[in-house]
Amino acid sequence: MIKRGILIGLLGLFLMGCGDQSSQVMGKWSDGAGGSFDFLSDHTLVIKDSSGDQNPVTGKWYLLSDGRIKIDIYTPKGKRIVSMAYIQDDDHLIMELKDKPYGLTREKN
């Protein structure tokens, strides 16, 4: 009986580890300077700067098998920028933009 309980517990831990990590990425993130990055459930990204520009930058995000996040950003002029990111902890995401780290903080609702 004890062995069965241990086996069920280990199986539960394994399944929790295999869950979709997209939910850790989804949501609104802030750059601390008035800009926001909204990672949506359909894997689109909407970036608004602090100026309140009515034409936000858009993109797509993909969760890679190693846990990193690939981000394709499309500028209004049609230029594609590819960036990589990773979740530092529950409230911090680090993007690499122009080979420099760019920290984002999860916005609380």
C-alpha atoms as a PDB file:
ATOM      1  CA  MET A   1       0.000   0.000   0.000  1.00  0.00           C
ATOM      2  CA  ILE A   2       2.831   2.392   0.847  1.00  0.00           C
ATOM      3  CA  LYS A   3       4.650   1.535  -2.406  1.00  0.00           C
ATOM      4  CA  ARG A   4       1.502   2.292  -4.383  1.00  0.00           C
ATOM      5  CA  GLY A   5       1.150   5.684  -2.652  1.00  0.00           C
ATOM      6  CA  ILE A   6       4.764   6.557  -3.413  1.00  0.00           C
ATOM      7  CA  LEU A   7       4.326   5.502  -7.046  1.00  0.00           C
ATOM      8  CA  ILE A   8       1.191   7.633  -7.430  1.00  0.00           C
ATOM      9  CA  GLY A   9       2.965  10.600  -5.823  1.00  0.00           C
ATOM     10  CA  LEU A  10       5.961  10.306  -8.141  1.00  0.00           C
ATOM     11  CA  LEU A  11       3.688   9.999 -11.165  1.00  0.00           C
ATOM     12  CA  GLY A  12       1.855  13.172 -10.111  1.00  0.00           C
ATOM     13  CA  LEU A  13       5.137  15.091  -9.784  1.00  0.00           C
ATOM     14  CA  PHE A  14       6.231  13.851 -13.206  1.00  0.00           C
ATOM     15  CA  LEU A  15       2.971  14.940 -14.845  1.00  0.00           C
ATOM     16  CA  MET A  16       3.144  18.380 -13.225  1.00  0.00           C
ATOM     17  CA  GLY A  17       6.636  18.804 -14.672  1.00  0.00           C
ATOM     18  CA  CYS A  18       5.392  17.868 -18.147  1.00  0.00           C
ATOM     19  CA  GLY A  19       2.635  20.492 -18.169  1.00  0.00           C
ATOM     20  CA  ASP A  20       2.441  23.273 -20.718  1.00  0.00           C
ATOM     21  CA  GLN A  21       4.671  26.143 -19.614  1.00  0.00           C
ATOM     22  CA  SER A  22       2.897  28.608 -21.894  1.00  0.00           C
ATOM     23  CA  SER A  23       0.796  29.779 -18.948  1.00  0.00           C
ATOM     24  CA  GLN A  24       4.000  31.054 -17.295  1.00  0.00           C
ATOM     25  CA  VAL A  25       4.589  33.319 -20.291  1.00  0.00           C
ATOM     26  CA  MET A  26       1.034  34.478 -21.007  1.00  0.00           C
ATOM     27  CA  GLY A  27      -0.032  37.813 -19.598  1.00  0.00           C
ATOM     28  CA  LYS A  28       1.042  41.424 -19.548  1.00  0.00           C
ATOM     29  CA  TRP A  29       4.639  42.337 -18.763  1.00  0.00           C
ATOM     30  CA  SER A  30       6.049  45.827 -18.163  1.00  0.00           C
ATOM     31  CA  ASP A  31       9.473  47.228 -19.025  1.00  0.00           C
ATOM     32  CA  GLY A  32       9.392  49.714 -16.116  1.00  0.00           C
ATOM     33  CA  ALA A  33       9.443  52.702 -18.485  1.00  0.00           C
ATOM     34  CA  GLY A  34       5.765  52.695 -19.448  1.00  0.00           C
ATOM     35  CA  GLY A  35       5.973  50.076 -22.186  1.00  0.00           C
ATOM     36  CA  SER A  36       4.004  46.838 -22.093  1.00  0.00           C
ATOM     37  CA  PHE A  37       4.392  43.410 -23.666  1.00  0.00           C
ATOM     38  CA  ASP A  38       1.182  41.394 -23.847  1.00  0.00           C
ATOM     39  CA  PHE A  39       1.809  37.666 -24.470  1.00  0.00           C
ATOM     40  CA  LEU A  40      -1.581  36.295 -25.592  1.00  0.00           C
ATOM     41  CA  SER A  41      -2.876  32.715 -25.436  1.00  0.00           C
ATOM     42  CA  ASP A  42      -2.886  32.396 -29.251  1.00  0.00           C
ATOM     43  CA  HIS A  43       0.894  33.018 -29.141  1.00  0.00           C
ATOM     44  CA  THR A  44       0.666  36.545 -30.506  1.00  0.00           C
ATOM     45  CA  LEU A  45       2.515  39.409 -28.861  1.00  0.00           C
ATOM     46  CA  VAL A  46       1.407  43.046 -28.675  1.00  0.00           C
ATOM     47  CA  ILE A  47       4.029  45.616 -27.681  1.00  0.00           C
ATOM     48  CA  LYS A  48       3.013  49.146 -26.712  1.00  0.00           C
ATOM     49  CA  ASP A  49       5.523  51.848 -25.899  1.00  0.00           C
ATOM     50  CA  SER A  50       5.185  54.562 -23.280  1.00  0.00           C
ATOM     51  CA  SER A  51       4.038  57.152 -25.845  1.00  0.00           C
ATOM     52  CA  GLY A  52       0.608  55.519 -26.150  1.00  0.00           C
ATOM     53  CA  ASP A  53       1.134  54.941 -29.867  1.00  0.00           C
ATOM     54  CA  GLN A  54      -2.107  53.728 -31.448  1.00  0.00           C
ATOM     55  CA  ASN A  55      -0.150  51.358 -33.723  1.00  0.00           C
ATOM     56  CA  PRO A  56       1.440  48.793 -31.440  1.00  0.00           C
ATOM     57  CA  VAL A  57       4.198  46.496 -32.635  1.00  0.00           C
ATOM     58  CA  THR A  58       3.082  42.892 -32.990  1.00  0.00           C
ATOM     59  CA  GLY A  59       4.743  39.533 -33.128  1.00  0.00           C
ATOM     60  CA  LYS A  60       4.544  35.831 -32.362  1.00  0.00           C
ATOM     61  CA  TRP A  61       6.077  33.887 -29.506  1.00  0.00           C
ATOM     62  CA  TYR A  62       7.021  30.232 -29.322  1.00  0.00           C
ATOM     63  CA  LEU A  63       7.991  28.123 -26.333  1.00  0.00           C
ATOM     64  CA  LEU A  64      11.030  26.010 -27.241  1.00  0.00           C
ATOM     65  CA  SER A  65      11.689  22.517 -25.871  1.00  0.00           C
ATOM     66  CA  ASP A  66      14.561  23.811 -23.715  1.00  0.00           C
ATOM     67  CA  GLY A  67      12.257  26.313 -21.945  1.00  0.00           C
ATOM     68  CA  ARG A  68      13.463  29.404 -23.799  1.00  0.00           C
ATOM     69  CA  ILE A  69      11.003  31.652 -25.625  1.00  0.00           C
ATOM     70  CA  LYS A  70      11.572  32.610 -29.263  1.00  0.00           C
ATOM     71  CA  ILE A  71       9.990  35.933 -30.167  1.00  0.00           C
ATOM     72  CA  ASP A  72       9.437  37.198 -33.718  1.00  0.00           C
ATOM     73  CA  ILE A  73       8.684  40.929 -33.659  1.00  0.00           C
ATOM     74  CA  TYR A  74       7.380  42.725 -36.746  1.00  0.00           C
ATOM     75  CA  THR A  75       7.955  46.477 -36.947  1.00  0.00           C
ATOM     76  CA  PRO A  76       5.446  48.787 -38.664  1.00  0.00           C
ATOM     77  CA  LYS A  77       7.857  48.970 -41.636  1.00  0.00           C
ATOM     78  CA  GLY A  78       7.764  45.187 -41.993  1.00  0.00           C
ATOM     79  CA  LYS A  79      11.166  44.449 -40.492  1.00  0.00           C
ATOM     80  CA  ARG A  80      11.385  41.172 -38.572  1.00  0.00           C
ATOM     81  CA  ILE A  81      13.364  41.112 -35.328  1.00  0.00           C
ATOM     82  CA  VAL A  82      14.076  37.760 -33.686  1.00  0.00           C
ATOM     83  CA  SER A  83      14.686  37.723 -29.966  1.00  0.00           C
ATOM     84  CA  MET A  84      15.156  35.034 -27.346  1.00  0.00           C
ATOM     85  CA  ALA A  85      13.840  35.230 -23.808  1.00  0.00           C
ATOM     86  CA  TYR A  86      13.553  33.163 -20.671  1.00  0.00           C
ATOM     87  CA  ILE A  87      11.531  33.212 -17.482  1.00  0.00           C
ATOM     88  CA  GLN A  88      13.814  34.222 -14.617  1.00  0.00           C
ATOM     89  CA  ASP A  89      11.134  33.590 -11.972  1.00  0.00           C
ATOM     90  CA  ASP A  90       7.338  33.955 -11.629  1.00  0.00           C
ATOM     91  CA  ASP A  91       7.499  37.743 -11.977  1.00  0.00           C
ATOM     92  CA  HIS A  92      10.516  38.383 -14.235  1.00  0.00           C
ATOM     93  CA  LEU A  93      11.191  37.650 -17.888  1.00  0.00           C
ATOM     94  CA  ILE A  94      14.517  38.447 -19.555  1.00  0.00           C
ATOM     95  CA  MET A  95      14.615  39.209 -23.301  1.00  0.00           C
ATOM     96  CA  GLU A  96      17.770  39.492 -25.362  1.00  0.00           C
ATOM     97  CA  LEU A  97      17.464  42.562 -27.597  1.00  0.00           C
ATOM     98  CA  LYS A  98      20.465  43.576 -29.696  1.00  0.00           C
ATOM     99  CA  ASP A  99      22.598  41.175 -27.621  1.00  0.00           C
ATOM    100  CA  LYS A 100      21.685  42.926 -24.360  1.00  0.00           C
ATOM    101  CA  PRO A 101      19.386  41.678 -21.581  1.00  0.00           C
ATOM    102  CA  TYR A 102      16.091  43.536 -21.291  1.00  0.00           C
ATOM    103  CA  GLY A 103      14.130  42.850 -18.117  1.00  0.00           C
ATOM    104  CA  LEU A 104      10.346  42.699 -17.951  1.00  0.00           C
ATOM    105  CA  THR A 105       8.173  42.429 -14.830  1.00  0.00           C
ATOM    106  CA  ARG A 106       4.791  40.706 -14.772  1.00  0.00           C
ATOM    107  CA  GLU A 107       1.958  43.172 -14.230  1.00  0.00           C
ATOM    108  CA  LYS A 108      -0.369  42.327 -11.375  1.00  0.00           C
ATOM    109  CA  ASN A 109      -4.101  42.519 -12.083  1.00  0.00           C
END
